[in-house]
Amino acid sequence: MNRIRGRLILITGASAGIGEACARRCAAEGANLVLWARRKDRLVALAEELRNDAALETRIAGVDVRDREAVEVEAAEMKEAALVPDVLINNAGLASGLAPLQEGDPEDWDRMIDTNVKGLLHVSRAFLPRMIKLGRGHIVNIGSTAGHQVYPRGNVYNATKFAVRALTEGMNLDVAGTPIRVSSVDPGFVHTEFSLVRFGGDREQADAIYRGFQPLLAEDVADAIHYVINAPEHVNVFDLMLLPTAQRNIYVVDREEV
């Protein structure tokens, strides 16, 4: 059963990777979209493609979730237009650097904390009161296996994803007594621009992360997110962990010799 047709779904970090895959999957199911990302030029092209394919309402905005004022301005414009998301997918996130803490770059730390934690808070705070007032809504936070198990040199990135996990639990408690659902989808290795960003555009280093096994694709994660948001209203998928078959935990990955 298609329960998202005609719903309004807001996706952050929608210009690439999991966010873009979610936009395509939700559009294919007949949902109307609000797409936010820093790279507005990519959103323009994506929105035009989706409108041509499905004749859907697609609203875009060049919003950096780290910028609380920008989030609040765009949220206010949506309120003025009487637009309240039925589903908010907090997807914007990144890893920056892979150094031990004693050698870490504080600017990398700021990027991760401001995007992965504070960005999620800014967007959720902007829309959750309206969802509660209307008595409907679903927030899906994109976490990570890194929020369940720490790995060497992951330190601050791990901390941000543990924070996402804690916030998902906390938000669920805060909306107790309302019909609002809060879910988390936590993927393992996914082949997107994630590692390219982490390694500052070093393609060789980024590709080495996925060498010798079949990682998840962004579309695989979008399928899982679709399952979560398409569940009946009495079902809240609290936390869904998604791994490629070759990966059994953070450390155990069956890599072929290459």
Protein backbone atom coordinates (compact mmCIF):
# COMPACT_ATOMS: atom_id res chain seq x y z
CA MET A 1 0.00 0.00 0.00
CA ASN A 2 1.25 3.46 -0.91
CA ARG A 3 0.81 5.71 2.14
CA ILE A 4 3.04 8.58 1.01
CA ARG A 5 1.30 9.58 -2.23
CA GLY A 6 0.37 13.25 -2.00
CA ARG A 7 2.30 13.75 1.26
CA LEU A 8 4.79 16.58 1.67
CA ILE A 9 8.29 15.29 2.39
CA LEU A 10 11.20 17.56 3.32
CA ILE A 11 14.67 16.14 2.72
CA THR A 12 17.85 17.88 3.85
CA GLY A 13 21.13 17.24 2.07
CA ALA A 14 19.10 16.37 -1.01
CA SER A 15 21.64 17.33 -3.69
CA ALA A 16 23.50 14.01 -3.75
CA GLY A 17 23.84 10.55 -2.25
CA ILE A 18 21.16 9.25 0.09
CA GLY A 19 19.22 12.51 0.01
CA GLU A 20 18.98 12.53 -3.77
CA ALA A 21 18.06 8.84 -3.82
CA CYS A 22 15.29 9.52 -1.28
CA ALA A 23 13.97 12.36 -3.43
CA ARG A 24 13.81 10.10 -6.47
CA ARG A 25 12.18 7.25 -4.55
CA CYS A 26 9.58 9.48 -2.89
CA ALA A 27 8.81 11.21 -6.20
CA ALA A 28 8.25 7.81 -7.82
CA GLU A 29 5.67 7.11 -5.10
CA GLY A 30 3.82 10.36 -5.83
CA ALA A 31 4.99 12.46 -2.88
CA ASN A 32 5.43 16.21 -3.06
CA LEU A 33 8.89 17.36 -2.09
CA VAL A 34 10.78 20.11 -0.35
CA LEU A 35 14.49 19.72 -1.06
CA TRP A 36 17.19 21.53 0.89
CA ALA A 37 20.94 21.50 0.31
CA ARG A 38 23.91 23.85 0.19
CA ARG A 39 24.42 23.22 -3.55
CA LYS A 40 21.30 24.82 -4.98
CA ASP A 41 22.44 24.36 -8.59
CA ARG A 42 22.20 20.60 -8.15
CA LEU A 43 18.75 20.94 -6.61
CA VAL A 44 17.55 23.01 -9.58
CA ALA A 45 18.53 20.25 -12.01
CA LEU A 46 17.08 17.49 -9.82
CA ALA A 47 13.79 19.30 -9.25
CA GLU A 48 13.36 19.98 -12.96
CA GLU A 49 13.95 16.31 -13.72
CA LEU A 50 11.49 15.14 -11.08
CA ARG A 51 8.82 17.61 -12.19
CA ASN A 52 9.16 16.45 -15.79
CA ASP A 53 9.01 12.79 -14.81
CA ALA A 54 6.15 12.91 -12.33
CA ALA A 55 4.54 16.36 -12.57
CA LEU A 56 4.97 16.79 -8.81
CA GLU A 57 5.17 19.88 -6.65
CA THR A 58 8.84 20.31 -5.78
CA ARG A 59 10.10 23.23 -3.73
CA ILE A 60 13.84 23.80 -3.39
CA ALA A 61 16.02 26.03 -1.25
CA GLY A 62 19.75 26.50 -0.89
CA VAL A 63 19.86 25.95 2.88
CA ASP A 64 22.93 25.05 4.90
CA VAL A 65 21.50 23.40 8.02
CA ARG A 66 24.43 24.74 10.06
CA ASP A 67 22.96 28.22 9.58
CA ARG A 68 20.13 28.42 12.11
CA GLU A 69 18.92 31.78 10.78
CA ALA A 70 18.71 30.44 7.21
CA VAL A 71 16.75 27.42 8.44
CA GLU A 72 14.34 29.63 10.37
CA VAL A 73 13.84 32.01 7.42
CA GLU A 74 13.00 29.21 5.01
CA ALA A 75 10.79 27.49 7.59
CA ALA A 76 8.93 30.77 8.10
CA GLU A 77 8.39 31.10 4.35
CA MET A 78 6.96 27.60 4.28
CA LYS A 79 4.67 28.46 7.20
CA GLU A 80 3.51 31.54 5.29
CA ALA A 81 2.66 29.24 2.38
CA ALA A 82 0.82 26.87 4.74
CA LEU A 83 3.35 24.11 4.11
CA VAL A 84 4.10 21.73 6.94
CA PRO A 85 6.03 18.55 6.14
CA ASP A 86 4.26 15.27 6.75
CA VAL A 87 7.73 13.70 6.80
CA LEU A 88 11.06 15.31 7.63
CA ILE A 89 14.15 13.34 6.62
CA ASN A 90 17.16 14.75 8.47
CA ASN A 91 19.75 13.47 6.02
CA ALA A 92 22.32 16.29 5.87
CA GLY A 93 25.54 15.03 7.40
CA LEU A 94 29.23 14.50 6.74
CA ALA A 95 32.54 13.21 8.03
CA SER A 96 35.59 15.42 7.84
CA GLY A 97 39.05 14.00 8.43
CA LEU A 98 40.21 10.70 9.89
CA ALA A 99 42.83 11.62 12.47
CA PRO A 100 43.40 10.59 16.08
CA LEU A 101 41.97 13.14 18.48
CA GLN A 102 45.37 14.51 19.46
CA GLU A 103 46.06 15.36 15.81
CA GLY A 104 42.54 16.42 14.84
CA ASP A 105 41.66 19.69 13.14
CA PRO A 106 39.14 21.70 15.19
CA GLU A 107 37.68 23.05 11.96
CA ASP A 108 36.83 19.47 10.96
CA TRP A 109 35.23 18.99 14.37
CA ASP A 110 33.12 22.12 13.94
CA ARG A 111 31.91 21.04 10.49
CA MET A 112 30.77 17.67 11.79
CA ILE A 113 29.19 18.87 15.02
CA ASP A 114 27.49 21.84 13.36
CA THR A 115 26.09 19.74 10.51
CA ASN A 116 25.37 16.34 12.03
CA VAL A 117 24.09 17.47 15.43
CA LYS A 118 23.21 21.15 15.47
CA GLY A 119 21.86 21.07 11.91
CA LEU A 120 19.51 18.23 12.82
CA LEU A 121 18.40 20.22 15.86
CA HIS A 122 17.84 23.43 13.90
CA VAL A 123 15.59 21.76 11.32
CA SER A 124 13.70 19.58 13.80
CA ARG A 125 13.06 22.56 16.09
CA ALA A 126 11.74 24.57 13.16
CA PHE A 127 9.04 22.05 12.21
CA LEU A 128 8.28 19.82 15.17
CA PRO A 129 6.00 22.33 16.98
CA ARG A 130 3.84 22.65 13.87
CA MET A 131 3.66 18.88 13.46
CA ILE A 132 2.53 18.54 17.07
CA LYS A 133 -0.06 21.30 16.65
CA LEU A 134 -1.50 19.61 13.56
CA GLY A 135 -1.35 16.16 15.15
CA ARG A 136 0.63 14.55 12.35
CA GLY A 137 4.22 14.09 11.26
CA HIS A 138 7.17 11.76 11.05
CA ILE A 139 10.83 12.63 11.57
CA VAL A 140 13.49 10.28 10.22
CA ASN A 141 17.06 10.89 11.36
CA ILE A 142 19.83 9.36 9.27
CA GLY A 143 22.27 7.88 11.73
CA SER A 144 25.04 5.37 11.16
CA THR A 145 26.57 2.18 12.46
CA ALA A 146 29.16 4.69 13.72
CA GLY A 147 26.55 5.65 16.30
CA HIS A 148 26.55 2.11 17.67
CA GLN A 149 30.23 1.17 17.60
CA VAL A 150 33.32 3.39 17.72
CA TYR A 151 36.17 2.77 15.30
CA PRO A 152 39.79 4.00 15.34
CA ARG A 153 40.21 7.64 14.31
CA GLY A 154 36.42 8.06 14.13
CA ASN A 155 36.30 9.96 17.47
CA VAL A 156 34.30 13.14 16.71
CA TYR A 157 32.32 11.67 13.82
CA ASN A 158 31.40 8.74 16.05
CA ALA A 159 30.39 11.19 18.76
CA THR A 160 28.07 13.05 16.40
CA LYS A 161 26.34 9.85 15.32
CA PHE A 162 26.02 8.66 18.92
CA ALA A 163 24.39 12.06 19.49
CA VAL A 164 21.95 11.45 16.63
CA ARG A 165 21.03 8.14 18.23
CA ALA A 166 20.50 9.83 21.60
CA LEU A 167 18.45 12.61 20.03
CA THR A 168 16.21 10.09 18.29
CA GLU A 169 15.55 8.42 21.64
CA GLY A 170 15.06 11.77 23.36
CA MET A 171 12.72 13.12 20.69
CA ASN A 172 10.60 10.00 20.97
CA LEU A 173 10.19 10.65 24.69
CA ASP A 174 9.47 14.33 24.12
CA VAL A 175 6.58 13.61 21.73
CA ALA A 176 5.04 10.89 23.90
CA GLY A 177 1.28 11.37 23.98
CA THR A 178 1.18 12.69 20.41
CA PRO A 179 0.89 10.78 17.12
CA ILE A 180 4.28 12.08 15.96
CA ARG A 181 6.73 9.34 14.99
CA VAL A 182 10.52 9.61 15.25
CA SER A 183 12.72 7.02 13.55
CA SER A 184 16.37 6.43 12.82
CA VAL A 185 17.92 4.64 9.84
CA ASP A 186 21.53 3.67 10.46
CA PRO A 187 23.49 2.41 7.43
CA GLY A 188 26.92 0.83 7.34
CA PHE A 189 29.20 1.25 4.32
CA VAL A 190 27.36 3.18 1.57
CA HIS A 191 29.14 4.15 -1.63
CA THR A 192 28.34 7.85 -2.02
CA GLU A 193 30.34 11.08 -1.92
CA PHE A 194 30.70 10.55 1.85
CA SER A 195 34.30 9.30 1.77
CA LEU A 196 35.27 11.77 -0.94
CA VAL A 197 34.19 14.59 1.38
CA ARG A 198 35.96 12.99 4.36
CA PHE A 199 39.26 12.83 2.46
CA GLY A 200 39.04 16.30 0.97
CA GLY A 201 38.38 15.16 -2.59
CA ASP A 202 41.11 12.49 -2.70
CA ARG A 203 39.40 10.00 -5.02
CA GLU A 204 41.96 7.23 -4.61
CA GLN A 205 41.79 7.31 -0.82
CA ALA A 206 38.00 7.50 -0.89
CA ASP A 207 37.59 4.57 -3.28
CA ALA A 208 39.89 2.41 -1.15
CA ILE A 209 37.27 2.40 1.60
CA TYR A 210 34.92 0.34 -0.60
CA ARG A 211 37.52 -1.81 -2.35
CA GLY A 212 37.06 -5.60 -2.39
CA PHE A 213 33.37 -5.83 -1.45
CA GLN A 214 29.93 -4.65 -2.54
CA PRO A 215 28.86 -1.75 -0.32
CA LEU A 216 25.33 -0.46 -0.04
CA LEU A 217 24.16 2.00 -2.65
CA ALA A 218 22.26 5.17 -1.87
CA GLU A 219 19.20 3.56 -3.46
CA ASP A 220 19.37 0.69 -0.94
CA VAL A 221 19.17 3.14 1.93
CA ALA A 222 16.36 5.04 0.21
CA ASP A 223 14.44 1.75 -0.01
CA ALA A 224 14.82 1.26 3.74
CA ILE A 225 13.72 4.83 4.44
CA HIS A 226 10.72 4.31 2.19
CA TYR A 227 9.76 1.26 4.25
CA VAL A 228 9.99 3.32 7.44
CA ILE A 229 7.88 6.26 6.24
CA ASN A 230 5.37 4.05 4.44
CA ALA A 231 4.57 1.99 7.56
CA PRO A 232 1.03 2.31 9.00
CA GLU A 233 0.57 5.22 11.38
CA HIS A 234 0.43 2.92 14.41
CA VAL A 235 3.91 1.57 13.53
CA ASN A 236 7.04 3.50 14.47
CA VAL A 237 10.28 1.92 13.25
CA PHE A 238 12.43 3.16 16.13
CA ASP A 239 15.85 2.23 14.73
CA LEU A 240 16.72 0.33 11.57
CA MET A 241 20.33 -0.74 10.99
CA LEU A 242 21.27 -1.54 7.41
CA LEU A 243 24.49 -3.30 6.36
CA PRO A 244 25.91 -4.69 3.14
CA THR A 245 26.06 -8.48 3.35
CA ALA A 246 29.87 -8.36 3.35
CA GLN A 247 29.84 -6.23 6.51
CA ARG A 248 29.01 -7.79 9.89
CA ASN A 249 30.01 -4.90 12.15
CA ILE A 250 32.30 -1.88 12.03
CA TYR A 251 35.40 -4.07 11.89
CA VAL A 252 34.36 -7.29 10.14
CA VAL A 253 34.09 -6.79 6.38
CA ASP A 254 34.65 -9.66 3.96
CA ARG A 255 36.94 -8.09 1.36
CA GLU A 256 38.16 -9.98 -1.68
CA GLU A 257 41.82 -9.83 -2.56
CA VAL A 258 42.39 -7.30 -5.34
